Structure formats: structure tokens, C-alpha cells
PDB file of N, CA and C in Angstrom:
ATOM      1  N   UNK A   1       0.845  -1.138   0.000  1.00  0.00           N
ATOM      2  CA  UNK A   1       0.000   0.000   0.000  1.00  0.00           C
ATOM      3  C   UNK A   1       0.913   1.230   0.000  1.00  0.00           C
ATOM      4  N   UNK A   2       0.685   2.142  -0.932  1.00  0.00           N
ATOM      5  CA  UNK A   2       1.444   3.398  -0.972  1.00  0.00           C
ATOM      6  C   UNK A   2       0.646   4.473  -0.251  1.00  0.00           C
ATOM      7  N   UNK A   3       1.335   5.201   0.618  1.00  0.00           N
ATOM      8  CA  UNK A   3       0.684   6.225   1.424  1.00  0.00           C
ATOM      9  C   UNK A   3       1.407   7.550   1.271  1.00  0.00           C
ATOM     10  N   UNK A   4       0.662   8.615   1.094  1.00  0.00           N
ATOM     11  CA  UNK A   4       1.211   9.962   1.154  1.00  0.00           C
ATOM     12  C   UNK A   4       0.980  10.477   2.565  1.00  0.00           C
ATOM     13  N   UNK A   5       2.032  10.862   3.248  1.00  0.00           N
ATOM     14  CA  UNK A   5       1.957  11.253   4.651  1.00  0.00           C
ATOM     15  C   UNK A   5       2.258  12.746   4.753  1.00  0.00           C
ATOM     16  N   UNK A   6       1.309  13.506   5.263  1.00  0.00           N
ATOM     17  CA  UNK A   6       1.541  14.945   5.431  1.00  0.00           C
ATOM     18  C   UNK A   6       1.774  15.322   6.885  1.00  0.00           C
ATOM     19  N   UNK A   7       1.494  14.419   7.791  1.00  0.00           N
ATOM     20  CA  UNK A   7       1.792  14.582   9.215  1.00  0.00           C
ATOM     21  C   UNK A   7       1.853  13.188   9.807  1.00  0.00           C
ATOM     22  N   UNK A   8       2.440  13.075  10.979  1.00  0.00           N
ATOM     23  CA  UNK A   8       2.593  11.771  11.604  1.00  0.00           C
ATOM     24  C   UNK A   8       1.223  11.145  11.867  1.00  0.00           C
ATOM     25  N   UNK A   9       1.103   9.868  11.528  1.00  0.00           N
ATOM     26  CA  UNK A   9      -0.129   9.139  11.820  1.00  0.00           C
ATOM     27  C   UNK A   9      -0.289   8.977  13.326  1.00  0.00           C
ATOM     28  N   UNK A  10      -1.514   8.816  13.761  1.00  0.00           N
ATOM     29  CA  UNK A  10      -1.792   8.560  15.175  1.00  0.00           C
ATOM     30  C   UNK A  10      -1.163   7.222  15.570  1.00  0.00           C
ATOM     31  N   UNK A  11      -0.593   7.128  16.764  1.00  0.00           N
ATOM     32  CA  UNK A  11       0.011   5.865  17.207  1.00  0.00           C
ATOM     33  C   UNK A  11      -0.955   4.682  17.124  1.00  0.00           C
ATOM     34  N   UNK A  12      -2.238   4.919  17.397  1.00  0.00           N
ATOM     35  CA  UNK A  12      -3.221   3.830  17.338  1.00  0.00           C
ATOM     36  C   UNK A  12      -3.363   3.289  15.915  1.00  0.00           C
ATOM     37  N   UNK A  13      -3.306   4.162  14.933  1.00  0.00           N
ATOM     38  CA  UNK A  13      -3.401   3.727  13.537  1.00  0.00           C
ATOM     39  C   UNK A  13      -2.174   2.911  13.158  1.00  0.00           C
ATOM     40  N   UNK A  14      -0.989   3.401  13.536  1.00  0.00           N
ATOM     41  CA  UNK A  14       0.240   2.655  13.239  1.00  0.00           C
ATOM     42  C   UNK A  14       0.218   1.293  13.929  1.00  0.00           C
ATOM     43  N   UNK A  15      -0.201   1.258  15.186  1.00  0.00           N
ATOM     44  CA  UNK A  15      -0.248  -0.001  15.926  1.00  0.00           C
ATOM     45  C   UNK A  15      -1.237  -0.980  15.295  1.00  0.00           C
ATOM     46  N   UNK A  16      -2.374  -0.481  14.814  1.00  0.00           N
ATOM     47  CA  UNK A  16      -3.352  -1.335  14.161  1.00  0.00           C
ATOM     48  C   UNK A  16      -2.755  -1.957  12.898  1.00  0.00           C
ATOM     49  N   UNK A  17      -2.117  -1.116  12.069  1.00  0.00           N
ATOM     50  CA  UNK A  17      -1.512  -1.618  10.836  1.00  0.00           C
ATOM     51  C   UNK A  17      -0.386  -2.608  11.139  1.00  0.00           C
ATOM     52  N   UNK A  18       0.448  -2.285  12.115  1.00  0.00           N
ATOM     53  CA  UNK A  18       1.532  -3.196  12.497  1.00  0.00           C
ATOM     54  C   UNK A  18       0.964  -4.499  13.039  1.00  0.00           C
ATOM     55  N   UNK A  19      -0.137  -4.437  13.781  1.00  0.00           N
ATOM     56  CA  UNK A  19      -0.787  -5.627  14.304  1.00  0.00           C
ATOM     57  C   UNK A  19      -1.331  -6.524  13.207  1.00  0.00           C
ATOM     58  N   UNK A  20      -1.644  -5.927  12.051  1.00  0.00           N
ATOM     59  CA  UNK A  20      -2.103  -6.695  10.894  1.00  0.00           C
ATOM     60  C   UNK A  20      -0.934  -7.236  10.075  1.00  0.00           C
ATOM     61  N   UNK A  21       0.302  -6.903  10.478  1.00  0.00           N
ATOM     62  CA  UNK A  21       1.482  -7.422   9.800  1.00  0.00           C
ATOM     63  C   UNK A  21       2.184  -6.453   8.868  1.00  0.00           C
ATOM     64  N   UNK A  22       1.721  -5.220   8.806  1.00  0.00           N
ATOM     65  CA  UNK A  22       2.368  -4.238   7.938  1.00  0.00           C
ATOM     66  C   UNK A  22       3.669  -3.740   8.549  1.00  0.00           C
ATOM     67  N   UNK A  23       4.649  -3.515   7.672  1.00  0.00           N
ATOM     68  CA  UNK A  23       5.892  -2.827   8.027  1.00  0.00           C
ATOM     69  C   UNK A  23       5.951  -1.572   7.159  1.00  0.00           C
ATOM     70  N   UNK A  24       6.599  -0.532   7.689  1.00  0.00           N
ATOM     71  CA  UNK A  24       6.619   0.760   7.015  1.00  0.00           C
ATOM     72  C   UNK A  24       7.994   1.056   6.433  1.00  0.00           C
ATOM     73  N   UNK A  25       7.989   1.605   5.211  1.00  0.00           N
ATOM     74  CA  UNK A  25       9.218   1.994   4.526  1.00  0.00           C
ATOM     75  C   UNK A  25       9.017   3.366   3.927  1.00  0.00           C
ATOM     76  N   UNK A  26       9.900   4.269   4.239  1.00  0.00           N
ATOM     77  CA  UNK A  26       9.903   5.605   3.650  1.00  0.00           C
ATOM     78  C   UNK A  26      10.488   5.486   2.249  1.00  0.00           C
ATOM     79  N   UNK A  27       9.859   6.126   1.274  1.00  0.00           N
ATOM     80  CA  UNK A  27      10.367   6.132  -0.096  1.00  0.00           C
ATOM     81  C   UNK A  27      11.205   7.394  -0.247  1.00  0.00           C
ATOM     82  N   UNK A  28      12.512   7.207  -0.409  1.00  0.00           N
ATOM     83  CA  UNK A  28      13.441   8.338  -0.445  1.00  0.00           C
ATOM     84  C   UNK A  28      14.451   8.145  -1.556  1.00  0.00           C
ATOM     85  N   UNK A  29      15.259   9.154  -1.783  1.00  0.00           N
ATOM     86  CA  UNK A  29      16.284   9.090  -2.829  1.00  0.00           C
ATOM     87  C   UNK A  29      17.231   7.913  -2.623  1.00  0.00           C
ATOM     88  N   UNK A  30      17.429   7.511  -1.365  1.00  0.00           N
ATOM     89  CA  UNK A  30      18.343   6.398  -1.061  1.00  0.00           C
ATOM     90  C   UNK A  30      17.671   5.040  -1.250  1.00  0.00           C
ATOM     91  N   UNK A  31      16.377   5.019  -1.479  1.00  0.00           N
ATOM     92  CA  UNK A  31      15.646   3.768  -1.648  1.00  0.00           C
ATOM     93  C   UNK A  31      14.532   3.651  -0.625  1.00  0.00           C
ATOM     94  N   UNK A  32      14.154   2.423  -0.311  1.00  0.00           N
ATOM     95  CA  UNK A  32      13.115   2.148   0.670  1.00  0.00           C
ATOM     96  C   UNK A  32      13.766   2.002   2.038  1.00  0.00           C
ATOM     97  N   UNK A  33      13.454   2.901   2.950  1.00  0.00           N
ATOM     98  CA  UNK A  33      14.093   2.965   4.264  1.00  0.00           C
ATOM     99  C   UNK A  33      13.086   2.524   5.326  1.00  0.00           C
ATOM    100  N   UNK A  34      13.396   1.430   6.025  1.00  0.00           N
ATOM    101  CA  UNK A  34      12.504   0.918   7.062  1.00  0.00           C
ATOM    102  C   UNK A  34      12.417   1.896   8.223  1.00  0.00           C
ATOM    103  N   UNK A  35      11.234   1.976   8.816  1.00  0.00           N
ATOM    104  CA  UNK A  35      11.054   2.826   9.982  1.00  0.00           C
ATOM    105  C   UNK A  35       9.836   2.406  10.763  1.00  0.00           C
ATOM    106  N   UNK A  36       9.781   2.776  12.027  1.00  0.00           N
ATOM    107  CA  UNK A  36       8.667   2.359  12.884  1.00  0.00           C
ATOM    108  C   UNK A  36       7.419   3.232  12.747  1.00  0.00           C
ATOM    109  N   UNK A  37       7.541   4.387  12.075  1.00  0.00           N
ATOM    110  CA  UNK A  37       6.430   5.335  12.034  1.00  0.00           C
ATOM    111  C   UNK A  37       6.147   5.803  10.621  1.00  0.00           C
ATOM    112  N   UNK A  38       4.931   6.257  10.413  1.00  0.00           N
ATOM    113  CA  UNK A  38       4.529   6.917   9.173  1.00  0.00           C
ATOM    114  C   UNK A  38       4.575   8.415   9.446  1.00  0.00           C
ATOM    115  N   UNK A  39       5.633   9.062   8.981  1.00  0.00           N
ATOM    116  CA  UNK A  39       5.820  10.486   9.259  1.00  0.00           C
ATOM    117  C   UNK A  39       6.615  11.121   8.127  1.00  0.00           C
ATOM    118  N   UNK A  40       6.424  12.413   7.942  1.00  0.00           N
ATOM    119  CA  UNK A  40       7.198  13.176   6.975  1.00  0.00           C
ATOM    120  C   UNK A  40       8.673  13.100   7.367  1.00  0.00           C
ATOM    121  N   UNK A  41       9.527  12.914   6.384  1.00  0.00           N
ATOM    122  CA  UNK A  41      10.962  12.918   6.646  1.00  0.00           C
ATOM    123  C   UNK A  41      11.563  14.122   5.931  1.00  0.00           C
ATOM    124  N   UNK A  42      12.369  14.862   6.646  1.00  0.00           N
ATOM    125  CA  UNK A  42      13.038  16.029   6.061  1.00  0.00           C
ATOM    126  C   UNK A  42      14.520  15.750   5.940  1.00  0.00           C
ATOM    127  N   UNK A  43      15.064  16.056   4.778  1.00  0.00           N
ATOM    128  CA  UNK A  43      16.489  15.921   4.512  1.00  0.00           C
ATOM    129  C   UNK A  43      16.922  17.220   3.840  1.00  0.00           C
ATOM    130  N   UNK A  44      17.491  18.138   4.627  1.00  0.00           N
ATOM    131  CA  UNK A  44      17.825  19.462   4.092  1.00  0.00           C
ATOM    132  C   UNK A  44      16.542  20.179   3.703  1.00  0.00           C
ATOM    133  N   UNK A  45      16.474  20.745   2.497  1.00  0.00           N
ATOM    134  CA  UNK A  45      15.262  21.449   2.088  1.00  0.00           C
ATOM    135  C   UNK A  45      14.181  20.501   1.564  1.00  0.00           C
ATOM    136  N   UNK A  46      14.470  19.210   1.499  1.00  0.00           N
ATOM    137  CA  UNK A  46      13.569  18.249   0.867  1.00  0.00           C
ATOM    138  C   UNK A  46      12.683  17.557   1.895  1.00  0.00           C
ATOM    139  N   UNK A  47      11.414  17.397   1.536  1.00  0.00           N
ATOM    140  CA  UNK A  47      10.456  16.672   2.365  1.00  0.00           C
ATOM    141  C   UNK A  47      10.044  15.421   1.601  1.00  0.00           C
ATOM    142  N   UNK A  48      10.146  14.280   2.253  1.00  0.00           N
ATOM    143  CA  UNK A  48       9.755  13.015   1.656  1.00  0.00           C
ATOM    144  C   UNK A  48       8.460  12.568   2.324  1.00  0.00           C
ATOM    145  N   UNK A  49       7.397  12.491   1.542  1.00  0.00           N
ATOM    146  CA  UNK A  49       6.064  12.238   2.058  1.00  0.00           C
ATOM    147  C   UNK A  49       5.583  10.809   1.826  1.00  0.00           C
ATOM    148  N   UNK A  50       6.126  10.133   0.826  1.00  0.00           N
ATOM    149  CA  UNK A  50       5.599   8.853   0.404  1.00  0.00           C
ATOM    150  C   UNK A  50       6.179   7.696   1.210  1.00  0.00           C
ATOM    151  N   UNK A  51       5.311   6.736   1.522  1.00  0.00           N
ATOM    152  CA  UNK A  51       5.687   5.543   2.279  1.00  0.00           C
ATOM    153  C   UNK A  51       5.077   4.308   1.623  1.00  0.00           C
ATOM    154  N   UNK A  52       5.735   3.182   1.837  1.00  0.00           N
ATOM    155  CA  UNK A  52       5.208   1.879   1.465  1.00  0.00           C
ATOM    156  C   UNK A  52       4.860   1.160   2.755  1.00  0.00           C
ATOM    157  N   UNK A  53       3.650   0.644   2.843  1.00  0.00           N
ATOM    158  CA  UNK A  53       3.249  -0.216   3.959  1.00  0.00           C
ATOM    159  C   UNK A  53       3.019  -1.587   3.330  1.00  0.00           C
ATOM    160  N   UNK A  54       3.740  -2.590   3.812  1.00  0.00           N
ATOM    161  CA  UNK A  54       3.714  -3.884   3.133  1.00  0.00           C
ATOM    162  C   UNK A  54       3.828  -5.049   4.104  1.00  0.00           C
ATOM    163  N   UNK A  55       3.334  -6.200   3.630  1.00  0.00           N
ATOM    164  CA  UNK A  55       3.498  -7.468   4.339  1.00  0.00           C
ATOM    165  C   UNK A  55       4.781  -8.175   3.913  1.00  0.00           C
ATOM    166  N   UNK A  56       5.411  -7.714   2.850  1.00  0.00           N
ATOM    167  CA  UNK A  56       6.591  -8.402   2.309  1.00  0.00           C
ATOM    168  C   UNK A  56       7.721  -8.458   3.334  1.00  0.00           C
ATOM    169  N   UNK A  57       8.551  -9.488   3.202  1.00  0.00           N
ATOM    170  CA  UNK A  57       9.682  -9.642   4.124  1.00  0.00           C
ATOM    171  C   UNK A  57      10.713  -8.539   3.886  1.00  0.00           C
ATOM    172  N   UNK A  58      11.555  -8.317   4.877  1.00  0.00           N
ATOM    173  CA  UNK A  58      12.615  -7.308   4.750  1.00  0.00           C
ATOM    174  C   UNK A  58      13.523  -7.646   3.571  1.00  0.00           C
ATOM    175  N   UNK A  59      13.802  -8.922   3.344  1.00  0.00           N
ATOM    176  CA  UNK A  59      14.638  -9.327   2.209  1.00  0.00           C
ATOM    177  C   UNK A  59      14.002  -8.998   0.871  1.00  0.00           C
ATOM    178  N   UNK A  60      12.693  -9.246   0.744  1.00  0.00           N
ATOM    179  CA  UNK A  60      11.996  -8.903  -0.496  1.00  0.00           C
ATOM    180  C   UNK A  60      12.012  -7.402  -0.740  1.00  0.00           C
ATOM    181  N   UNK A  61      11.782  -6.634   0.317  1.00  0.00           N
ATOM    182  CA  UNK A  61      11.780  -5.173   0.183  1.00  0.00           C
ATOM    183  C   UNK A  61      13.177  -4.684  -0.192  1.00  0.00           C
ATOM    184  N   UNK A  62      14.220  -5.291   0.363  1.00  0.00           N
ATOM    185  CA  UNK A  62      15.594  -4.903   0.014  1.00  0.00           C
ATOM    186  C   UNK A  62      15.864  -5.161  -1.466  1.00  0.00           C
ATOM    187  N   UNK A  63      15.381  -6.285  -1.985  1.00  0.00           N
ATOM    188  CA  UNK A  63      15.565  -6.585  -3.420  1.00  0.00           C
ATOM    189  C   UNK A  63      14.801  -5.581  -4.284  1.00  0.00           C
ATOM    190  N   UNK A  64      13.576  -5.275  -3.901  1.00  0.00           N
ATOM    191  CA  UNK A  64      12.784  -4.282  -4.645  1.00  0.00           C
ATOM    192  C   UNK A  64      13.490  -2.933  -4.613  1.00  0.00           C
ATOM    193  N   UNK A  65      13.982  -2.548  -3.443  1.00  0.00           N
ATOM    194  CA  UNK A  65      14.681  -1.271  -3.302  1.00  0.00           C
ATOM    195  C   UNK A  65      15.915  -1.230  -4.197  1.00  0.00           C
ATOM    196  N   UNK A  66      16.674  -2.322  -4.224  1.00  0.00           N
ATOM    197  CA  UNK A  66      17.874  -2.373  -5.073  1.00  0.00           C
ATOM    198  C   UNK A  66      17.498  -2.256  -6.551  1.00  0.00           C
ATOM    199  N   UNK A  67      16.402  -2.895  -6.944  1.00  0.00           N
ATOM    200  CA  UNK A  67      15.947  -2.808  -8.334  1.00  0.00           C
ATOM    201  C   UNK A  67      15.513  -1.388  -8.696  1.00  0.00           C
ATOM    202  N   UNK A  68      14.919  -0.696  -7.729  1.00  0.00           N
ATOM    203  CA  UNK A  68      14.421   0.657  -7.979  1.00  0.00           C
ATOM    204  C   UNK A  68      15.470   1.743  -7.772  1.00  0.00           C
ATOM    205  N   UNK A  69      16.575   1.395  -7.152  1.00  0.00           N
ATOM    206  CA  UNK A  69      17.589   2.388  -6.787  1.00  0.00           C
ATOM    207  C   UNK A  69      18.010   3.289  -7.939  1.00  0.00           C
ATOM    208  N   UNK A  70      18.291   2.750  -9.142  1.00  0.00           N
ATOM    209  CA  UNK A  70      18.668   3.650 -10.246  1.00  0.00           C
ATOM    210  C   UNK A  70      17.556   4.640 -10.592  1.00  0.00           C
ATOM    211  N   UNK A  71      16.319   4.204 -10.470  1.00  0.00           N
ATOM    212  CA  UNK A  71      15.198   5.107 -10.764  1.00  0.00           C
ATOM    213  C   UNK A  71      15.091   6.193  -9.696  1.00  0.00           C
ATOM    214  N   UNK A  72      15.272   5.818  -8.416  1.00  0.00           N
ATOM    215  CA  UNK A  72      15.254   6.809  -7.345  1.00  0.00           C
ATOM    216  C   UNK A  72      16.345   7.853  -7.570  1.00  0.00           C
ATOM    217  N   UNK A  73      17.534   7.395  -7.957  1.00  0.00           N
ATOM    218  CA  UNK A  73      18.675   8.298  -8.141  1.00  0.00           C
ATOM    219  C   UNK A  73      18.432   9.280  -9.286  1.00  0.00           C
ATOM    220  N   UNK A  74      17.618   8.885 -10.269  1.00  0.00           N
ATOM    221  CA  UNK A  74      17.377   9.737 -11.434  1.00  0.00           C
ATOM    222  C   UNK A  74      16.302  10.798 -11.196  1.00  0.00           C
ATOM    223  N   UNK A  75      15.589  10.698 -10.073  1.00  0.00           N
ATOM    224  CA  UNK A  75      14.522  11.669  -9.793  1.00  0.00           C
ATOM    225  C   UNK A  75      15.140  13.021  -9.455  1.00  0.00           C
ATOM    226  N   UNK A  76      14.649  14.051 -10.110  1.00  0.00           N
ATOM    227  CA  UNK A  76      15.102  15.408  -9.822  1.00  0.00           C
ATOM    228  C   UNK A  76      14.157  15.986  -8.772  1.00  0.00           C
ATOM    229  N   UNK A  77      14.593  15.936  -7.519  1.00  0.00           N
ATOM    230  CA  UNK A  77      13.721  16.294  -6.403  1.00  0.00           C
ATOM    231  C   UNK A  77      13.140  17.694  -6.536  1.00  0.00           C
ATOM    232  N   UNK A  78      13.888  18.612  -7.146  1.00  0.00           N
ATOM    233  CA  UNK A  78      13.361  19.969  -7.260  1.00  0.00           C
ATOM    234  C   UNK A  78      12.167  20.050  -8.214  1.00  0.00           C
ATOM    235  N   UNK A  79      11.894  18.962  -8.958  1.00  0.00           N
ATOM    236  CA  UNK A  79      10.740  18.930  -9.858  1.00  0.00           C
ATOM    237  C   UNK A  79       9.585  18.120  -9.265  1.00  0.00           C
ATOM    238  N   UNK A  80       9.685  17.753  -7.998  1.00  0.00           N
ATOM    239  CA  UNK A  80       8.632  16.967  -7.353  1.00  0.00           C
ATOM    240  C   UNK A  80       7.993  17.774  -6.244  1.00  0.00           C
ATOM    241  N   UNK A  81       7.101  17.122  -5.526  1.00  0.00           N
ATOM    242  CA  UNK A  81       6.426  17.796  -4.414  1.00  0.00           C
ATOM    243  C   UNK A  81       7.243  17.766  -3.139  1.00  0.00           C
ATOM    244  N   UNK A  82       8.493  17.337  -3.190  1.00  0.00           N
ATOM    245  CA  UNK A  82       9.265  17.192  -1.964  1.00  0.00           C
ATOM    246  C   UNK A  82       9.878  18.501  -1.481  1.00  0.00           C
ATOM    247  N   UNK A  83       9.940  19.495  -2.318  1.00  0.00           N
ATOM    248  CA  UNK A  83      10.479  20.788  -1.886  1.00  0.00           C
ATOM    249  C   UNK A  83       9.301  21.651  -1.457  1.00  0.00           C
ATOM    250  N   UNK A  84       9.233  21.915  -0.171  1.00  0.00           N
ATOM    251  CA  UNK A  84       8.084  22.637   0.367  1.00  0.00           C
ATOM    252  C   UNK A  84       8.548  23.840   1.169  1.00  0.00           C
ATOM    253  N   UNK A  85       8.872  24.962   0.510  1.00  0.00           N
ATOM    254  CA  UNK A  85       9.320  26.134   1.273  1.00  0.00           C
ATOM    255  C   UNK A  85       8.276  26.603   2.273  1.00  0.00           C
ATOM    256  N   UNK A  86       6.997  26.299   2.023  1.00  0.00           N
ATOM    257  CA  UNK A  86       5.954  26.711   2.967  1.00  0.00           C
ATOM    258  C   UNK A  86       6.046  25.941   4.280  1.00  0.00           C
ATOM    259  N   UNK A  87       6.829  24.850   4.319  1.00  0.00           N
ATOM    260  CA  UNK A  87       6.993  24.074   5.540  1.00  0.00           C
ATOM    261  C   UNK A  87       8.379  24.275   6.141  1.00  0.00           C
ATOM    262  N   UNK A  88       9.064  25.306   5.734  1.00  0.00           N
ATOM    263  CA  UNK A  88      10.449  25.530   6.132  1.00  0.00           C
ATOM    264  C   UNK A  88      10.571  25.875   7.616  1.00  0.00           C
ATOM    265  N   UNK A  89      10.359  24.848   8.476  1.00  0.00           N
ATOM    266  CA  UNK A  89      10.536  25.037   9.900  1.00  0.00           C
ATOM    267  C   UNK A  89       9.387  25.726  10.604  1.00  0.00           C
ATOM    268  N   UNK A  90       8.438  26.238   9.863  1.00  0.00           N
ATOM    269  CA  UNK A  90       7.354  26.983  10.484  1.00  0.00           C
ATOM    270  C   UNK A  90       6.207  26.081  10.919  1.00  0.00           C
ATOM    271  N   UNK A  91       6.179  24.864  10.414  1.00  0.00           N
ATOM    272  CA  UNK A  91       5.094  23.950  10.730  1.00  0.00           C
ATOM    273  C   UNK A  91       5.672  22.674  11.306  1.00  0.00           C
ATOM    274  N   UNK A  92       6.257  22.753  12.459  1.00  0.00           N
ATOM    275  CA  UNK A  92       6.900  21.601  13.085  1.00  0.00           C
ATOM    276  C   UNK A  92       5.923  20.478  13.381  1.00  0.00           C
ATOM    277  N   UNK A  93       4.617  20.766  13.382  1.00  0.00           N
ATOM    278  CA  UNK A  93       3.639  19.732  13.681  1.00  0.00           C
ATOM    279  C   UNK A  93       3.556  18.669  12.589  1.00  0.00           C
ATOM    280  N   UNK A  94       4.099  18.924  11.398  1.00  0.00           N
ATOM    281  CA  UNK A  94       3.997  17.926  10.333  1.00  0.00           C
ATOM    282  C   UNK A  94       5.034  16.840  10.449  1.00  0.00           C
ATOM    283  N   UNK A  95       6.041  17.032  11.253  1.00  0.00           N
ATOM    284  CA  UNK A  95       7.015  15.981  11.452  1.00  0.00           C
ATOM    285  C   UNK A  95       7.293  15.849  12.900  1.00  0.00           C
TER     286      UNK A  95
END
């Protein structure tokens, strides 16, 4: 399941999804990054909003990430929705 995250999900929602067997991966320039929460990730001026929630094993996700890595590297972040000057530290509630 692909999710666009604009603020951290409620802990109860994350716990429910995790209880159903979902694991969360942030979709970033470096690939699919495992994490315990669904939350906006900031890296310098860039905001990464997209996440994968999946039942797949960590090994399967690592293989998918490796296959997608060249495509992630080719994305020009300044042409995507990840640059959000309107969130430049003024809206700390989103992360």
C-alpha cells in the first residue's frame, strides 16, 4: 500500500496496521528505508512524504529497493512535491 503522509499518523493507527502485519518503509532518494512510524521525513530542504506499507519480508523489500535504486537516483527532487518552502521550519507539527 502506498501512502502519502503529510503529518505523523496517530500511534493507534500505526499499531493497528503493524498488528495486521504491515511494516513501514519511507520512499526516499536512497531507496526504501525501514522505519517504525509513518511520518514526513526532512532531509535538508527536501520533504519526503511517500511511504510503502507492506506485508513483504525485509529481504523482499531490500531486493525491490535495489531494483528501484537507479530510478530513485534519477529523480530530480526539485521537480517533485518534496520541496516545500511553505513548511520551512514553520510547521513543526507535520514531522
